[in-house]
Amino acid sequence: MPVTFPYFVGPSMMATEAIFMQQYQGQWLMLLGAAAVCWVVAAVILMSSALWQRLLGDKVLAAFERLMGMLITTLNSSDLCPRFTSP
């Protein structure tokens, strides 16, 4: 969550939306709707975190956190080393 949190509340959100607004001129309503859907999904996930912790348990959540960390690292390394990505 710390990686994505600044996108939802920080200046990077405004910068990303400004870039999208320039790329997709005239489609501001679609971009606003997409951002709203993302905010709602994130809010539901965050508000139900206690329920997920009770249902899954600490070991499963720890494994899931490690898996997501590996996924983020993989995505980041594919951006840094484009020659290792598939064509």
PDB file of N, CA and C in Angstrom:
ATOM      1  N   MET A   1       0.796  -1.209   0.000  1.00  0.00           N
ATOM      2  CA  MET A   1       0.000   0.000   0.000  1.00  0.00           C
ATOM      3  C   MET A   1       0.836   1.270   0.000  1.00  0.00           C
ATOM      4  N   PRO A   2       1.978   1.340   0.672  1.00  0.00           N
ATOM      5  CA  PRO A   2       2.740   2.586   0.665  1.00  0.00           C
ATOM      6  C   PRO A   2       3.154   3.031  -0.731  1.00  0.00           C
ATOM      7  N   VAL A   3       3.327   2.088  -1.660  1.00  0.00           N
ATOM      8  CA  VAL A   3       3.726   2.460  -3.017  1.00  0.00           C
ATOM      9  C   VAL A   3       2.590   3.169  -3.736  1.00  0.00           C
ATOM     10  N   THR A   4       1.374   2.717  -3.560  1.00  0.00           N
ATOM     11  CA  THR A   4       0.258   3.296  -4.300  1.00  0.00           C
ATOM     12  C   THR A   4      -0.411   4.453  -3.587  1.00  0.00           C
ATOM     13  N   PHE A   5      -0.206   4.589  -2.292  1.00  0.00           N
ATOM     14  CA  PHE A   5      -0.901   5.629  -1.535  1.00  0.00           C
ATOM     15  C   PHE A   5      -0.643   7.039  -2.062  1.00  0.00           C
ATOM     16  N   PRO A   6       0.607   7.413  -2.395  1.00  0.00           N
ATOM     17  CA  PRO A   6       0.813   8.774  -2.911  1.00  0.00           C
ATOM     18  C   PRO A   6       0.039   9.044  -4.202  1.00  0.00           C
ATOM     19  N   TYR A   7      -0.228   8.015  -5.001  1.00  0.00           N
ATOM     20  CA  TYR A   7      -0.996   8.241  -6.219  1.00  0.00           C
ATOM     21  C   TYR A   7      -2.410   8.697  -5.900  1.00  0.00           C
ATOM     22  N   PHE A   8      -2.994   8.156  -4.846  1.00  0.00           N
ATOM     23  CA  PHE A   8      -4.380   8.495  -4.517  1.00  0.00           C
ATOM     24  C   PHE A   8      -4.521   9.866  -3.868  1.00  0.00           C
ATOM     25  N   VAL A   9      -3.507  10.338  -3.181  1.00  0.00           N
ATOM     26  CA  VAL A   9      -3.665  11.584  -2.436  1.00  0.00           C
ATOM     27  C   VAL A   9      -2.632  12.645  -2.775  1.00  0.00           C
ATOM     28  N   GLY A  10      -1.580  12.303  -3.467  1.00  0.00           N
ATOM     29  CA  GLY A  10      -0.484  13.241  -3.651  1.00  0.00           C
ATOM     30  C   GLY A  10      -0.494  13.970  -4.981  1.00  0.00           C
ATOM     31  N   PRO A  11       0.544  14.735  -5.204  1.00  0.00           N
ATOM     32  CA  PRO A  11       0.657  15.508  -6.437  1.00  0.00           C
ATOM     33  C   PRO A  11       0.812  14.633  -7.675  1.00  0.00           C
ATOM     34  N   SER A  12       1.265  13.394  -7.491  1.00  0.00           N
ATOM     35  CA  SER A  12       1.389  12.518  -8.661  1.00  0.00           C
ATOM     36  C   SER A  12       0.021  12.205  -9.262  1.00  0.00           C
ATOM     37  N   MET A  13      -1.016  12.200  -8.439  1.00  0.00           N
ATOM     38  CA  MET A  13      -2.377  11.994  -8.952  1.00  0.00           C
ATOM     39  C   MET A  13      -2.755  13.122  -9.901  1.00  0.00           C
ATOM     40  N   MET A  14      -2.494  14.344  -9.476  1.00  0.00           N
ATOM     41  CA  MET A  14      -2.837  15.489 -10.322  1.00  0.00           C
ATOM     42  C   MET A  14      -1.988  15.504 -11.596  1.00  0.00           C
ATOM     43  N   ALA A  15      -0.707  15.151 -11.480  1.00  0.00           N
ATOM     44  CA  ALA A  15       0.169  15.123 -12.655  1.00  0.00           C
ATOM     45  C   ALA A  15      -0.269  14.046 -13.639  1.00  0.00           C
ATOM     46  N   THR A  16      -0.612  12.879 -13.126  1.00  0.00           N
ATOM     47  CA  THR A  16      -1.063  11.793 -13.991  1.00  0.00           C
ATOM     48  C   THR A  16      -2.369  12.167 -14.693  1.00  0.00           C
ATOM     49  N   GLU A  17      -3.290  12.734 -13.953  1.00  0.00           N
ATOM     50  CA  GLU A  17      -4.556  13.149 -14.562  1.00  0.00           C
ATOM     51  C   GLU A  17      -4.336  14.253 -15.598  1.00  0.00           C
ATOM     52  N   ALA A  18      -3.402  15.168 -15.339  1.00  0.00           N
ATOM     53  CA  ALA A  18      -3.110  16.224 -16.312  1.00  0.00           C
ATOM     54  C   ALA A  18      -2.545  15.638 -17.598  1.00  0.00           C
ATOM     55  N   ILE A  19      -1.682  14.642 -17.472  1.00  0.00           N
ATOM     56  CA  ILE A  19      -1.123  13.985 -18.668  1.00  0.00           C
ATOM     57  C   ILE A  19      -2.224  13.252 -19.422  1.00  0.00           C
ATOM     58  N   PHE A  20      -3.072  12.536 -18.701  1.00  0.00           N
ATOM     59  CA  PHE A  20      -4.173  11.839 -19.362  1.00  0.00           C
ATOM     60  C   PHE A  20      -5.132  12.813 -20.037  1.00  0.00           C
ATOM     61  N   MET A  21      -5.390  13.948 -19.384  1.00  0.00           N
ATOM     62  CA  MET A  21      -6.295  14.948 -19.974  1.00  0.00           C
ATOM     63  C   MET A  21      -5.736  15.477 -21.286  1.00  0.00           C
ATOM     64  N   GLN A  22      -4.414  15.615 -21.346  1.00  0.00           N
ATOM     65  CA  GLN A  22      -3.806  16.101 -22.582  1.00  0.00           C
ATOM     66  C   GLN A  22      -3.837  15.023 -23.661  1.00  0.00           C
ATOM     67  N   GLN A  23      -3.631  13.769 -23.297  1.00  0.00           N
ATOM     68  CA  GLN A  23      -3.626  12.684 -24.264  1.00  0.00           C
ATOM     69  C   GLN A  23      -5.032  12.357 -24.763  1.00  0.00           C
ATOM     70  N   TYR A  24      -6.013  12.449 -23.889  1.00  0.00           N
ATOM     71  CA  TYR A  24      -7.391  12.083 -24.228  1.00  0.00           C
ATOM     72  C   TYR A  24      -8.292  13.311 -24.135  1.00  0.00           C
ATOM     73  N   GLN A  25      -8.025  14.269 -24.966  1.00  0.00           N
ATOM     74  CA  GLN A  25      -8.796  15.513 -24.927  1.00  0.00           C
ATOM     75  C   GLN A  25     -10.252  15.238 -25.269  1.00  0.00           C
ATOM     76  N   GLY A  26     -11.131  15.873 -24.527  1.00  0.00           N
ATOM     77  CA  GLY A  26     -12.559  15.710 -24.741  1.00  0.00           C
ATOM     78  C   GLY A  26     -13.167  14.516 -24.039  1.00  0.00           C
ATOM     79  N   GLN A  27     -12.358  13.737 -23.346  1.00  0.00           N
ATOM     80  CA  GLN A  27     -12.868  12.555 -22.657  1.00  0.00           C
ATOM     81  C   GLN A  27     -12.689  12.683 -21.143  1.00  0.00           C
ATOM     82  N   TRP A  28     -12.827  13.900 -20.641  1.00  0.00           N
ATOM     83  CA  TRP A  28     -12.593  14.147 -19.222  1.00  0.00           C
ATOM     84  C   TRP A  28     -13.580  13.407 -18.342  1.00  0.00           C
ATOM     85  N   LEU A  29     -14.790  13.193 -18.837  1.00  0.00           N
ATOM     86  CA  LEU A  29     -15.789  12.495 -18.031  1.00  0.00           C
ATOM     87  C   LEU A  29     -15.393  11.029 -17.827  1.00  0.00           C
ATOM     88  N   MET A  30     -14.834  10.401 -18.872  1.00  0.00           N
ATOM     89  CA  MET A  30     -14.375   9.023 -18.753  1.00  0.00           C
ATOM     90  C   MET A  30     -13.211   8.934 -17.762  1.00  0.00           C
ATOM     91  N   LEU A  31     -12.273   9.889 -17.834  1.00  0.00           N
ATOM     92  CA  LEU A  31     -11.137   9.880 -16.923  1.00  0.00           C
ATOM     93  C   LEU A  31     -11.573  10.116 -15.487  1.00  0.00           C
ATOM     94  N   LEU A  32     -12.503  11.014 -15.295  1.00  0.00           N
ATOM     95  CA  LEU A  32     -13.028  11.271 -13.957  1.00  0.00           C
ATOM     96  C   LEU A  32     -13.741  10.037 -13.416  1.00  0.00           C
ATOM     97  N   GLY A  33     -14.502   9.373 -14.258  1.00  0.00           N
ATOM     98  CA  GLY A  33     -15.198   8.149 -13.848  1.00  0.00           C
ATOM     99  C   GLY A  33     -14.223   7.039 -13.496  1.00  0.00           C
ATOM    100  N   ALA A  34     -13.138   6.892 -14.287  1.00  0.00           N
ATOM    101  CA  ALA A  34     -12.138   5.865 -13.997  1.00  0.00           C
ATOM    102  C   ALA A  34     -11.458   6.129 -12.660  1.00  0.00           C
ATOM    103  N   ALA A  35     -11.121   7.398 -12.393  1.00  0.00           N
ATOM    104  CA  ALA A  35     -10.499   7.747 -11.116  1.00  0.00           C
ATOM    105  C   ALA A  35     -11.466   7.487  -9.962  1.00  0.00           C
ATOM    106  N   ALA A  36     -12.737   7.815 -10.153  1.00  0.00           N
ATOM    107  CA  ALA A  36     -13.731   7.589  -9.100  1.00  0.00           C
ATOM    108  C   ALA A  36     -13.902   6.099  -8.811  1.00  0.00           C
ATOM    109  N   VAL A  37     -13.921   5.280  -9.859  1.00  0.00           N
ATOM    110  CA  VAL A  37     -14.040   3.829  -9.663  1.00  0.00           C
ATOM    111  C   VAL A  37     -12.835   3.298  -8.891  1.00  0.00           C
ATOM    112  N   CYS A  38     -11.639   3.760  -9.251  1.00  0.00           N
ATOM    113  CA  CYS A  38     -10.434   3.325  -8.530  1.00  0.00           C
ATOM    114  C   CYS A  38     -10.483   3.736  -7.068  1.00  0.00           C
ATOM    115  N   TRP A  39     -10.932   4.947  -6.800  1.00  0.00           N
ATOM    116  CA  TRP A  39     -11.033   5.406  -5.415  1.00  0.00           C
ATOM    117  C   TRP A  39     -12.040   4.570  -4.625  1.00  0.00           C
ATOM    118  N   VAL A  40     -13.160   4.246  -5.238  1.00  0.00           N
ATOM    119  CA  VAL A  40     -14.181   3.452  -4.545  1.00  0.00           C
ATOM    120  C   VAL A  40     -13.661   2.047  -4.257  1.00  0.00           C
ATOM    121  N   VAL A  41     -13.014   1.432  -5.244  1.00  0.00           N
ATOM    122  CA  VAL A  41     -12.473   0.081  -5.044  1.00  0.00           C
ATOM    123  C   VAL A  41     -11.427   0.096  -3.931  1.00  0.00           C
ATOM    124  N   ALA A  42     -10.532   1.087  -3.961  1.00  0.00           N
ATOM    125  CA  ALA A  42      -9.505   1.180  -2.923  1.00  0.00           C
ATOM    126  C   ALA A  42     -10.135   1.406  -1.546  1.00  0.00           C
ATOM    127  N   ALA A  43     -11.163   2.234  -1.480  1.00  0.00           N
ATOM    128  CA  ALA A  43     -11.828   2.501  -0.206  1.00  0.00           C
ATOM    129  C   ALA A  43     -12.487   1.239   0.342  1.00  0.00           C
ATOM    130  N   VAL A  44     -13.137   0.475  -0.516  1.00  0.00           N
ATOM    131  CA  VAL A  44     -13.781  -0.767  -0.073  1.00  0.00           C
ATOM    132  C   VAL A  44     -12.739  -1.755   0.437  1.00  0.00           C
ATOM    133  N   ILE A  45     -11.640  -1.870  -0.286  1.00  0.00           N
ATOM    134  CA  ILE A  45     -10.581  -2.792   0.142  1.00  0.00           C
ATOM    135  C   ILE A  45     -10.004  -2.366   1.485  1.00  0.00           C
ATOM    136  N   LEU A  46      -9.732  -1.071   1.632  1.00  0.00           N
ATOM    137  CA  LEU A  46      -9.151  -0.597   2.887  1.00  0.00           C
ATOM    138  C   LEU A  46     -10.130  -0.718   4.057  1.00  0.00           C
ATOM    139  N   MET A  47     -11.392  -0.453   3.811  1.00  0.00           N
ATOM    140  CA  MET A  47     -12.382  -0.538   4.887  1.00  0.00           C
ATOM    141  C   MET A  47     -12.667  -1.975   5.305  1.00  0.00           C
ATOM    142  N   SER A  48     -12.435  -2.915   4.411  1.00  0.00           N
ATOM    143  CA  SER A  48     -12.699  -4.314   4.751  1.00  0.00           C
ATOM    144  C   SER A  48     -11.427  -5.058   5.163  1.00  0.00           C
ATOM    145  N   SER A  49     -10.350  -4.336   5.433  1.00  0.00           N
ATOM    146  CA  SER A  49      -9.086  -4.999   5.756  1.00  0.00           C
ATOM    147  C   SER A  49      -9.166  -5.826   7.038  1.00  0.00           C
ATOM    148  N   ALA A  50      -9.897  -5.358   8.026  1.00  0.00           N
ATOM    149  CA  ALA A  50     -10.027  -6.127   9.273  1.00  0.00           C
ATOM    150  C   ALA A  50     -10.742  -7.451   9.013  1.00  0.00           C
ATOM    151  N   LEU A  51     -11.748  -7.415   8.161  1.00  0.00           N
ATOM    152  CA  LEU A  51     -12.461  -8.645   7.807  1.00  0.00           C
ATOM    153  C   LEU A  51     -11.538  -9.629   7.099  1.00  0.00           C
ATOM    154  N   TRP A  52     -10.735  -9.137   6.151  1.00  0.00           N
ATOM    155  CA  TRP A  52      -9.807 -10.011   5.437  1.00  0.00           C
ATOM    156  C   TRP A  52      -8.774 -10.603   6.388  1.00  0.00           C
ATOM    157  N   GLN A  53      -8.319  -9.822   7.335  1.00  0.00           N
ATOM    158  CA  GLN A  53      -7.337 -10.328   8.284  1.00  0.00           C
ATOM    159  C   GLN A  53      -7.938 -11.441   9.146  1.00  0.00           C
ATOM    160  N   ARG A  54      -9.178 -11.272   9.551  1.00  0.00           N
ATOM    161  CA  ARG A  54      -9.847 -12.323  10.344  1.00  0.00           C
ATOM    162  C   ARG A  54     -10.075 -13.576   9.510  1.00  0.00           C
ATOM    163  N   LEU A  55     -10.510 -13.411   8.254  1.00  0.00           N
ATOM    164  CA  LEU A  55     -10.823 -14.567   7.415  1.00  0.00           C
ATOM    165  C   LEU A  55      -9.575 -15.334   6.974  1.00  0.00           C
ATOM    166  N   LEU A  56      -8.546 -14.613   6.576  1.00  0.00           N
ATOM    167  CA  LEU A  56      -7.374 -15.266   5.994  1.00  0.00           C
ATOM    168  C   LEU A  56      -6.305 -15.622   7.012  1.00  0.00           C
ATOM    169  N   GLY A  57      -6.173 -14.824   8.043  1.00  0.00           N
ATOM    170  CA  GLY A  57      -5.136 -15.081   9.040  1.00  0.00           C
ATOM    171  C   GLY A  57      -3.840 -14.368   8.691  1.00  0.00           C
ATOM    172  N   ASP A  58      -2.974 -14.277   9.686  1.00  0.00           N
ATOM    173  CA  ASP A  58      -1.733 -13.527   9.527  1.00  0.00           C
ATOM    174  C   ASP A  58      -0.753 -14.182   8.565  1.00  0.00           C
ATOM    175  N   LYS A  59      -0.669 -15.511   8.563  1.00  0.00           N
ATOM    176  CA  LYS A  59       0.292 -16.192   7.693  1.00  0.00           C
ATOM    177  C   LYS A  59      -0.064 -16.008   6.221  1.00  0.00           C
ATOM    178  N   VAL A  60      -1.332 -16.121   5.892  1.00  0.00           N
ATOM    179  CA  VAL A  60      -1.760 -15.954   4.501  1.00  0.00           C
ATOM    180  C   VAL A  60      -1.548 -14.516   4.052  1.00  0.00           C
ATOM    181  N   LEU A  61      -1.851 -13.566   4.909  1.00  0.00           N
ATOM    182  CA  LEU A  61      -1.651 -12.164   4.554  1.00  0.00           C
ATOM    183  C   LEU A  61      -0.170 -11.840   4.391  1.00  0.00           C
ATOM    184  N   ALA A  62       0.687 -12.422   5.229  1.00  0.00           N
ATOM    185  CA  ALA A  62       2.123 -12.210   5.089  1.00  0.00           C
ATOM    186  C   ALA A  62       2.626 -12.787   3.763  1.00  0.00           C
ATOM    187  N   ALA A  63       2.130 -13.959   3.396  1.00  0.00           N
ATOM    188  CA  ALA A  63       2.511 -14.556   2.112  1.00  0.00           C
ATOM    189  C   ALA A  63       2.018 -13.699   0.946  1.00  0.00           C
ATOM    190  N   PHE A  64       0.813 -13.177   1.072  1.00  0.00           N
ATOM    191  CA  PHE A  64       0.258 -12.317   0.026  1.00  0.00           C
ATOM    192  C   PHE A  64       1.066 -11.021  -0.112  1.00  0.00           C
ATOM    193  N   GLU A  65       1.491 -10.445   1.012  1.00  0.00           N
ATOM    194  CA  GLU A  65       2.318  -9.237   0.982  1.00  0.00           C
ATOM    195  C   GLU A  65       3.641  -9.505   0.283  1.00  0.00           C
ATOM    196  N   ARG A  66       4.252 -10.638   0.568  1.00  0.00           N
ATOM    197  CA  ARG A  66       5.516 -10.984  -0.087  1.00  0.00           C
ATOM    198  C   ARG A  66       5.314 -11.204  -1.578  1.00  0.00           C
ATOM    199  N   LEU A  67       4.224 -11.851  -1.944  1.00  0.00           N
ATOM    200  CA  LEU A  67       3.935 -12.077  -3.353  1.00  0.00           C
ATOM    201  C   LEU A  67       3.726 -10.759  -4.091  1.00  0.00           C
ATOM    202  N   MET A  68       2.997  -9.848  -3.488  1.00  0.00           N
ATOM    203  CA  MET A  68       2.780  -8.541  -4.112  1.00  0.00           C
ATOM    204  C   MET A  68       4.081  -7.745  -4.214  1.00  0.00           C
ATOM    205  N   GLY A  69       4.934  -7.886  -3.210  1.00  0.00           N
ATOM    206  CA  GLY A  69       6.244  -7.238  -3.266  1.00  0.00           C
ATOM    207  C   GLY A  69       7.073  -7.761  -4.423  1.00  0.00           C
ATOM    208  N   MET A  70       7.029  -9.083  -4.641  1.00  0.00           N
ATOM    209  CA  MET A  70       7.746  -9.671  -5.778  1.00  0.00           C
ATOM    210  C   MET A  70       7.157  -9.204  -7.096  1.00  0.00           C
ATOM    211  N   LEU A  71       5.844  -9.084  -7.167  1.00  0.00           N
ATOM    212  CA  LEU A  71       5.188  -8.616  -8.387  1.00  0.00           C
ATOM    213  C   LEU A  71       5.585  -7.179  -8.697  1.00  0.00           C
ATOM    214  N   ILE A  72       5.584  -6.315  -7.692  1.00  0.00           N
ATOM    215  CA  ILE A  72       5.980  -4.917  -7.895  1.00  0.00           C
ATOM    216  C   ILE A  72       7.434  -4.836  -8.323  1.00  0.00           C
ATOM    217  N   THR A  73       8.303  -5.647  -7.710  1.00  0.00           N
ATOM    218  CA  THR A  73       9.706  -5.664  -8.094  1.00  0.00           C
ATOM    219  C   THR A  73       9.878  -6.128  -9.530  1.00  0.00           C
ATOM    220  N   THR A  74       9.123  -7.132  -9.932  1.00  0.00           N
ATOM    221  CA  THR A  74       9.193  -7.625 -11.303  1.00  0.00           C
ATOM    222  C   THR A  74       8.737  -6.563 -12.289  1.00  0.00           C
ATOM    223  N   LEU A  75       7.648  -5.901 -11.989  1.00  0.00           N
ATOM    224  CA  LEU A  75       7.170  -4.844 -12.879  1.00  0.00           C
ATOM    225  C   LEU A  75       8.177  -3.711 -12.968  1.00  0.00           C
ATOM    226  N   ASN A  76       8.777  -3.358 -11.843  1.00  0.00           N
ATOM    227  CA  ASN A  76       9.759  -2.289 -11.828  1.00  0.00           C
ATOM    228  C   ASN A  76      10.999  -2.685 -12.617  1.00  0.00           C
ATOM    229  N   SER A  77      11.463  -3.914 -12.473  1.00  0.00           N
ATOM    230  CA  SER A  77      12.668  -4.339 -13.190  1.00  0.00           C
ATOM    231  C   SER A  77      12.413  -4.444 -14.687  1.00  0.00           C
ATOM    232  N   SER A  78      11.200  -4.752 -15.098  1.00  0.00           N
ATOM    233  CA  SER A  78      10.916  -4.807 -16.532  1.00  0.00           C
ATOM    234  C   SER A  78      10.935  -3.408 -17.137  1.00  0.00           C
ATOM    235  N   ASP A  79      10.625  -2.371 -16.334  1.00  0.00           N
ATOM    236  CA  ASP A  79      10.733  -1.002 -16.817  1.00  0.00           C
ATOM    237  C   ASP A  79      12.184  -0.565 -16.902  1.00  0.00           C
ATOM    238  N   LEU A  80      13.012  -1.035 -15.979  1.00  0.00           N
ATOM    239  CA  LEU A  80      14.410  -0.636 -15.949  1.00  0.00           C
ATOM    240  C   LEU A  80      15.238  -1.373 -16.989  1.00  0.00           C
ATOM    241  N   CYS A  81      14.872  -2.608 -17.279  1.00  0.00           N
ATOM    242  CA  CYS A  81      15.641  -3.438 -18.214  1.00  0.00           C
ATOM    243  C   CYS A  81      14.729  -3.917 -19.340  1.00  0.00           C
ATOM    244  N   PRO A  82      14.427  -3.075 -20.301  1.00  0.00           N
ATOM    245  CA  PRO A  82      13.467  -3.477 -21.338  1.00  0.00           C
ATOM    246  C   PRO A  82      13.954  -4.615 -22.220  1.00  0.00           C
ATOM    247  N   ARG A  83      15.251  -4.888 -22.255  1.00  0.00           N
ATOM    248  CA  ARG A  83      15.731  -5.965 -23.110  1.00  0.00           C
ATOM    249  C   ARG A  83      15.338  -7.346 -22.594  1.00  0.00           C
ATOM    250  N   PHE A  84      14.953  -7.427 -21.307  1.00  0.00           N
ATOM    251  CA  PHE A  84      14.563  -8.705 -20.733  1.00  0.00           C
ATOM    252  C   PHE A  84      13.068  -8.978 -20.861  1.00  0.00           C
ATOM    253  N   THR A  85      12.332  -8.048 -21.400  1.00  0.00           N
ATOM    254  CA  THR A  85      10.891  -8.253 -21.547  1.00  0.00           C
ATOM    255  C   THR A  85      10.600  -8.962 -22.857  1.00  0.00           C
ATOM    256  N   SER A  86       9.476  -9.596 -22.928  1.00  0.00           N
ATOM    257  CA  SER A  86       9.106 -10.308 -24.145  1.00  0.00           C
ATOM    258  C   SER A  86       8.686  -9.303 -25.226  1.00  0.00           C
ATOM    259  N   PRO A  87       8.882  -9.652 -26.483  1.00  0.00           N
ATOM    260  CA  PRO A  87       8.545  -8.720 -27.579  1.00  0.00           C
ATOM    261  C   PRO A  87       7.076  -8.491 -27.744  1.00  0.00           C
TER     262      PRO A  87
END
